[in-house]
């Protein structure tokens, strides 16, 4: 079983304000957790910078150029209340999108069975032409679109277990029957979208909101009852995971009480669907996770599951 780890040091150069939860130390925590002996067999490569035309599969070129032109020469510039840019942010965002693209390339050409892309900034809150929630470009959406455009994938699915709803991914694919978007998330919580009744124009949006205080039992039940059956009915040819680990009980930004074993379980269930319909093709992208210890342990459990460890 070959699992590929894709990252890039430029993703550490996206600097956020002091005290901001989405900080470079998040990536260091993931990298540190994947340095132990059981991960020695992981193939590791650097994320390329995505060509702008690949980012433009999901975002208008004038929006991409707007983000590029907003990048400061020094210091920080605020894009919205909680999303800011430093001089290294635009390259980091291109590396995050490029990591997603490269993961699809490697998995689709059978150079790897699956891949985990450990980059930042995250992506699932970025709408077609609107940055928000620490996100500039929707990396998961770009991965799905790239797989369709370059490899002729007819049906791609995104499964998002970040504790916050991926409003960007939902918005991008709302009227697209070729991409299914599935999400478990706490509700009510930022960004306020993701009610169970939000199902898209073609019933290919599947939301399974959780209540504050829910734990592994409710999370697994949401997967078993809502997400996995719909995924199987859809028969995706590639599954992209928006792997946020902020539903962990230690995370400061939410109130869901998952543990590492819950993320490993969900990963395995997603892989089971991929084995049935997608020749095992899974591309996983780091989204949220803001307690450094919980993030490291959870990412390690997720990658170990990808490795079928």
Protein backbone atom coordinates (compact mmCIF):
# COMPACT_ATOMS: atom_id res chain seq x y z
CA UNK A 1 0.00 0.00 0.00
CA UNK A 2 1.58 3.29 -1.00
CA UNK A 3 0.39 6.49 0.63
CA UNK A 4 1.91 9.76 -0.51
CA UNK A 5 2.51 12.73 1.81
CA UNK A 6 2.57 16.10 0.04
CA UNK A 7 3.63 19.29 1.78
CA UNK A 8 5.81 22.37 1.23
CA UNK A 9 7.81 24.69 3.52
CA UNK A 10 6.28 27.73 1.76
CA UNK A 11 3.06 26.89 3.62
CA UNK A 12 4.81 27.98 6.83
CA UNK A 13 5.29 31.44 5.31
CA UNK A 14 1.57 32.24 5.43
CA UNK A 15 1.77 34.30 8.61
CA UNK A 16 -1.34 35.20 10.59
CA UNK A 17 -1.86 37.70 13.41
CA UNK A 18 -0.53 36.86 16.88
CA UNK A 19 -2.98 34.57 18.67
CA UNK A 20 -4.72 33.52 15.45
CA UNK A 21 -5.75 29.83 15.54
CA UNK A 22 -4.75 29.12 11.91
CA UNK A 23 -1.00 29.47 12.42
CA UNK A 24 2.18 27.92 11.00
CA UNK A 25 2.64 25.77 14.12
CA UNK A 26 -0.33 23.68 12.93
CA UNK A 27 1.72 22.37 10.04
CA UNK A 28 4.73 21.78 12.27
CA UNK A 29 2.53 19.72 14.60
CA UNK A 30 1.37 17.50 11.71
CA UNK A 31 4.90 17.11 10.35
CA UNK A 32 6.22 16.25 13.82
CA UNK A 33 3.52 13.61 14.31
CA UNK A 34 4.45 11.98 10.99
CA UNK A 35 8.16 11.75 11.84
CA UNK A 36 7.82 8.67 14.07
CA UNK A 37 8.97 5.25 12.93
CA UNK A 38 5.65 3.86 11.72
CA UNK A 39 5.55 6.59 9.06
CA UNK A 40 9.06 5.93 7.69
CA UNK A 41 7.60 4.14 4.65
CA UNK A 42 5.53 7.19 3.64
CA UNK A 43 6.60 8.55 0.28
CA UNK A 44 7.08 12.31 0.64
CA UNK A 45 7.10 14.97 -2.08
CA UNK A 46 6.89 18.75 -2.27
CA UNK A 47 3.69 20.41 -3.39
CA UNK A 48 4.06 22.26 -6.70
CA UNK A 49 2.51 25.70 -7.05
CA UNK A 50 -0.80 25.31 -8.89
CA UNK A 51 -0.89 27.02 -12.29
CA UNK A 52 -3.45 29.83 -12.17
CA UNK A 53 -5.55 28.08 -14.83
CA UNK A 54 -5.97 25.09 -12.48
CA UNK A 55 -7.16 27.37 -9.66
CA UNK A 56 -9.46 28.93 -12.29
CA UNK A 57 -11.30 25.61 -12.62
CA UNK A 58 -13.22 26.81 -9.53
CA UNK A 59 -12.50 30.53 -9.18
CA UNK A 60 -12.74 33.35 -11.77
CA UNK A 61 -9.37 34.63 -12.96
CA UNK A 62 -10.14 38.19 -11.86
CA UNK A 63 -10.77 36.90 -8.31
CA UNK A 64 -7.45 34.97 -8.35
CA UNK A 65 -5.65 38.11 -9.53
CA UNK A 66 -7.41 40.16 -6.86
CA UNK A 67 -6.06 37.83 -4.16
CA UNK A 68 -2.59 37.93 -5.74
CA UNK A 69 -2.65 41.72 -5.92
CA UNK A 70 -3.83 42.00 -2.29
CA UNK A 71 -0.66 40.23 -1.07
CA UNK A 72 1.31 42.78 0.98
CA UNK A 73 5.02 43.51 0.49
CA UNK A 74 5.42 43.40 4.27
CA UNK A 75 3.25 43.14 7.36
CA UNK A 76 -0.31 41.85 7.29
CA UNK A 77 -3.42 42.88 5.37
CA UNK A 78 -6.90 41.84 6.49
CA UNK A 79 -9.12 40.38 3.75
CA UNK A 80 -12.08 39.92 6.10
CA UNK A 81 -12.65 39.79 9.85
CA UNK A 82 -10.70 36.55 10.35
CA UNK A 83 -8.74 36.06 7.11
CA UNK A 84 -5.48 37.90 6.53
CA UNK A 85 -2.51 37.80 4.15
CA UNK A 86 1.22 38.15 4.70
CA UNK A 87 3.90 38.37 1.98
CA UNK A 88 4.06 34.55 1.79
CA UNK A 89 0.31 33.89 1.72
CA UNK A 90 -0.29 33.81 -2.02
CA UNK A 91 2.46 31.27 -2.67
CA UNK A 92 1.23 29.18 0.27
CA UNK A 93 -2.29 29.21 -1.19
CA UNK A 94 -0.95 28.15 -4.61
CA UNK A 95 1.07 25.34 -2.98
CA UNK A 96 -2.04 24.15 -1.13
CA UNK A 97 -4.03 24.07 -4.37
CA UNK A 98 -1.05 22.58 -6.22
CA UNK A 99 -0.67 19.88 -3.58
CA UNK A 100 -4.30 18.92 -4.15
CA UNK A 101 -3.75 18.87 -7.92
CA UNK A 102 -0.56 16.81 -7.63
CA UNK A 103 -2.25 14.32 -5.28
CA UNK A 104 -4.94 13.75 -7.92
CA UNK A 105 -2.26 13.28 -10.61
CA UNK A 106 -0.35 10.71 -8.55
CA UNK A 107 -3.45 8.75 -7.52
CA UNK A 108 -5.08 8.82 -10.97
CA UNK A 109 -1.88 7.59 -12.65
CA UNK A 110 -1.48 4.85 -10.01
CA UNK A 111 1.85 6.19 -8.76
CA UNK A 112 0.25 6.22 -5.30
CA UNK A 113 -2.78 4.43 -3.89
CA UNK A 114 -3.87 7.51 -1.96
CA UNK A 115 -2.42 10.79 -0.70
CA UNK A 116 -2.54 13.17 2.25
CA UNK A 117 -1.81 16.83 1.51
CA UNK A 118 -0.52 18.62 4.62
CA UNK A 119 -0.63 22.26 3.56
CA UNK A 120 -2.16 25.53 4.64
CA UNK A 121 -4.10 27.79 4.24
CA UNK A 122 -7.15 25.51 4.29
CA UNK A 123 -9.79 25.82 1.59
CA UNK A 124 -13.33 24.64 2.20
CA UNK A 125 -14.81 28.03 3.19
CA UNK A 126 -13.61 29.77 0.00
CA UNK A 127 -16.57 30.36 -2.30
CA UNK A 128 -16.38 30.95 -6.05
CA UNK A 129 -15.32 34.58 -5.66
CA UNK A 130 -15.14 35.14 -1.90
CA UNK A 131 -12.36 34.37 0.58
CA UNK A 132 -13.50 33.65 4.15
CA UNK A 133 -12.88 31.55 7.24
CA UNK A 134 -9.06 31.50 6.81
CA UNK A 135 -9.48 30.25 3.19
CA UNK A 136 -8.59 31.76 -0.22
CA UNK A 137 -8.99 28.91 -2.75
CA UNK A 138 -11.13 25.79 -2.33
CA UNK A 139 -8.49 23.07 -2.59
CA UNK A 140 -10.96 20.16 -2.39
CA UNK A 141 -13.12 21.65 -5.14
CA UNK A 142 -10.02 22.24 -7.28
CA UNK A 143 -8.97 18.59 -6.77
CA UNK A 144 -12.38 17.31 -7.89
CA UNK A 145 -12.52 19.61 -10.92
CA UNK A 146 -8.95 18.77 -11.94
CA UNK A 147 -9.76 15.05 -11.81
CA UNK A 148 -12.75 15.64 -14.05
CA UNK A 149 -10.99 17.89 -16.55
CA UNK A 150 -7.70 16.03 -16.84
CA UNK A 151 -8.76 12.41 -16.30
CA UNK A 152 -12.38 12.38 -17.41
CA UNK A 153 -13.79 11.40 -14.01
CA UNK A 154 -17.57 11.39 -14.39
CA UNK A 155 -18.43 11.46 -10.66
CA UNK A 156 -16.25 12.84 -7.86
CA UNK A 157 -17.22 13.07 -4.20
CA UNK A 158 -15.96 15.32 -1.40
CA UNK A 159 -16.40 14.07 2.16
CA UNK A 160 -15.82 16.81 4.74
CA UNK A 161 -15.53 15.94 8.45
CA UNK A 162 -14.17 19.33 9.54
CA UNK A 163 -16.24 20.64 12.46
CA UNK A 164 -17.19 23.71 10.39
CA UNK A 165 -19.44 23.33 7.35
CA UNK A 166 -17.65 23.71 4.02
CA UNK A 167 -19.88 26.44 2.64
CA UNK A 168 -17.45 27.07 -0.22
CA UNK A 169 -17.47 23.49 -1.49
CA UNK A 170 -21.26 23.40 -1.18
CA UNK A 171 -21.66 26.68 -3.06
CA UNK A 172 -19.29 25.70 -5.87
CA UNK A 173 -21.08 22.39 -6.55
CA UNK A 174 -24.64 23.36 -5.55
CA UNK A 175 -26.01 22.99 -9.09
CA UNK A 176 -23.54 20.34 -10.32
CA UNK A 177 -24.80 16.75 -10.42
CA UNK A 178 -21.30 15.38 -11.21
CA UNK A 179 -19.83 16.19 -7.77
CA UNK A 180 -21.33 15.04 -4.47
CA UNK A 181 -20.52 17.05 -1.35
CA UNK A 182 -21.05 15.34 2.04
CA UNK A 183 -20.41 17.00 5.39
CA UNK A 184 -20.62 16.32 9.11
CA UNK A 185 -20.27 19.52 11.16
CA UNK A 186 -21.41 21.23 14.33
CA UNK A 187 -24.52 23.33 14.01
CA UNK A 188 -25.08 26.10 15.01
CA UNK A 189 -21.50 27.26 14.34
CA UNK A 190 -19.55 29.31 11.80
CA UNK A 191 -20.30 29.76 8.90
CA UNK A 192 -24.00 29.11 9.58
CA UNK A 193 -24.68 26.94 6.52
CA UNK A 194 -25.13 23.17 6.35
CA UNK A 195 -28.69 22.46 7.52
CA UNK A 196 -29.89 18.94 6.74
CA UNK A 197 -32.40 20.37 4.26
CA UNK A 198 -29.69 21.99 2.10
CA UNK A 199 -29.36 19.35 -0.62
CA UNK A 200 -28.40 21.14 -3.83
CA UNK A 201 -30.23 21.36 -7.15
CA UNK A 202 -29.64 17.67 -7.94
CA UNK A 203 -29.79 16.23 -4.41
CA UNK A 204 -26.01 15.77 -4.44
CA UNK A 205 -25.36 17.82 -1.29
CA UNK A 206 -25.58 15.69 1.86
CA UNK A 207 -25.42 17.53 5.19
CA UNK A 208 -25.39 15.70 8.51
CA UNK A 209 -25.23 18.40 11.20
CA UNK A 210 -24.20 17.47 14.74
CA UNK A 211 -25.28 19.21 17.96
CA UNK A 212 -22.84 20.88 20.35
CA UNK A 213 -21.66 18.23 22.81
CA UNK A 214 -22.08 15.30 20.42
CA UNK A 215 -19.31 12.72 20.44
CA UNK A 216 -18.12 9.72 18.50
CA UNK A 217 -21.39 7.82 18.70
CA UNK A 218 -23.44 10.59 17.05
CA UNK A 219 -20.65 11.24 14.50
CA UNK A 220 -20.47 7.57 13.48
CA UNK A 221 -24.26 7.33 13.34
CA UNK A 222 -24.36 10.36 11.00
CA UNK A 223 -21.85 8.65 8.72
CA UNK A 224 -23.64 5.29 8.80
CA UNK A 225 -27.16 6.65 8.32
CA UNK A 226 -26.71 9.64 6.00
CA UNK A 227 -23.34 9.89 4.33
CA UNK A 228 -22.15 6.35 3.52
CA UNK A 229 -25.40 5.15 1.89
CA UNK A 230 -25.61 8.27 -0.29
CA UNK A 231 -21.96 7.94 -1.29
CA UNK A 232 -22.50 4.31 -2.28
CA UNK A 233 -25.57 5.25 -4.34
CA UNK A 234 -23.53 7.95 -6.10
CA UNK A 235 -20.69 5.53 -6.97
CA UNK A 236 -17.86 8.10 -7.05
CA UNK A 237 -14.78 7.40 -9.16
CA UNK A 238 -12.61 9.50 -6.82
CA UNK A 239 -13.15 10.60 -3.22
CA UNK A 240 -11.59 13.80 -1.89
CA UNK A 241 -11.53 14.15 1.90
CA UNK A 242 -11.67 17.59 3.52
CA UNK A 243 -9.82 16.38 6.60
CA UNK A 244 -10.38 18.88 9.36
CA UNK A 245 -9.56 17.64 12.87
CA UNK A 246 -11.29 20.43 14.81
CA UNK A 247 -14.17 18.15 15.87
CA UNK A 248 -11.67 16.72 18.39
CA UNK A 249 -12.70 17.10 22.03
CA UNK A 250 -9.62 19.25 22.76
CA UNK A 251 -10.25 21.77 19.96
CA UNK A 252 -10.90 25.33 21.16
CA UNK A 253 -13.12 26.47 18.26
CA UNK A 254 -16.01 24.00 18.63
CA UNK A 255 -17.87 21.67 20.95
CA UNK A 256 -17.80 18.22 19.35
CA UNK A 257 -16.06 15.49 21.34
CA UNK A 258 -14.35 13.22 18.83
CA UNK A 259 -11.16 11.30 19.54
CA UNK A 260 -8.41 10.09 17.22
CA UNK A 261 -10.12 6.70 16.80
CA UNK A 262 -13.21 8.40 15.34
CA UNK A 263 -11.16 10.02 12.56
CA UNK A 264 -9.44 6.70 11.82
CA UNK A 265 -12.85 4.97 11.67
CA UNK A 266 -14.30 7.58 9.29
CA UNK A 267 -11.20 7.33 7.09
CA UNK A 268 -11.58 3.56 6.90
CA UNK A 269 -15.28 3.83 6.00
CA UNK A 270 -14.51 6.32 3.22
CA UNK A 271 -11.76 4.02 1.93
CA UNK A 272 -14.21 1.11 1.90
CA UNK A 273 -16.49 3.07 -0.46
CA UNK A 274 -13.48 4.05 -2.58
CA UNK A 275 -12.43 0.40 -2.79
CA UNK A 276 -15.88 -0.55 -4.07
CA UNK A 277 -16.36 2.15 -6.69
CA UNK A 278 -13.18 4.20 -7.21
CA UNK A 279 -10.38 1.64 -7.44
CA UNK A 280 -9.32 2.83 -3.98
CA UNK A 281 -8.63 6.38 -5.15
CA UNK A 282 -8.64 8.77 -2.17
CA UNK A 283 -7.06 12.23 -1.92
CA UNK A 284 -7.13 13.79 1.54
CA UNK A 285 -6.50 17.47 2.23
CA UNK A 286 -5.80 19.09 5.59
CA UNK A 287 -8.47 21.60 6.59
CA UNK A 288 -8.94 22.72 10.22
CA UNK A 289 -7.68 21.56 13.61
CA UNK A 290 -6.48 24.15 16.12
CA UNK A 291 -5.31 22.30 19.24
CA UNK A 292 -1.77 21.34 18.26
CA UNK A 293 -1.61 18.09 20.22
CA UNK A 294 -5.02 16.90 19.05
CA UNK A 295 -4.20 17.93 15.48
CA UNK A 296 -0.94 15.97 15.43
CA UNK A 297 -2.43 12.82 16.96
CA UNK A 298 -5.54 12.96 14.78
CA UNK A 299 -3.63 13.53 11.54
CA UNK A 300 -1.37 10.60 12.46
CA UNK A 301 -4.39 8.34 13.06
CA UNK A 302 -5.88 9.45 9.72
CA UNK A 303 -2.67 8.84 7.76
CA UNK A 304 -2.15 5.46 9.44
CA UNK A 305 -5.65 4.49 8.27
CA UNK A 306 -4.80 5.66 4.74
CA UNK A 307 -1.70 3.43 4.91
CA UNK A 308 -3.99 0.59 6.03
CA UNK A 309 -1.84 0.39 9.13
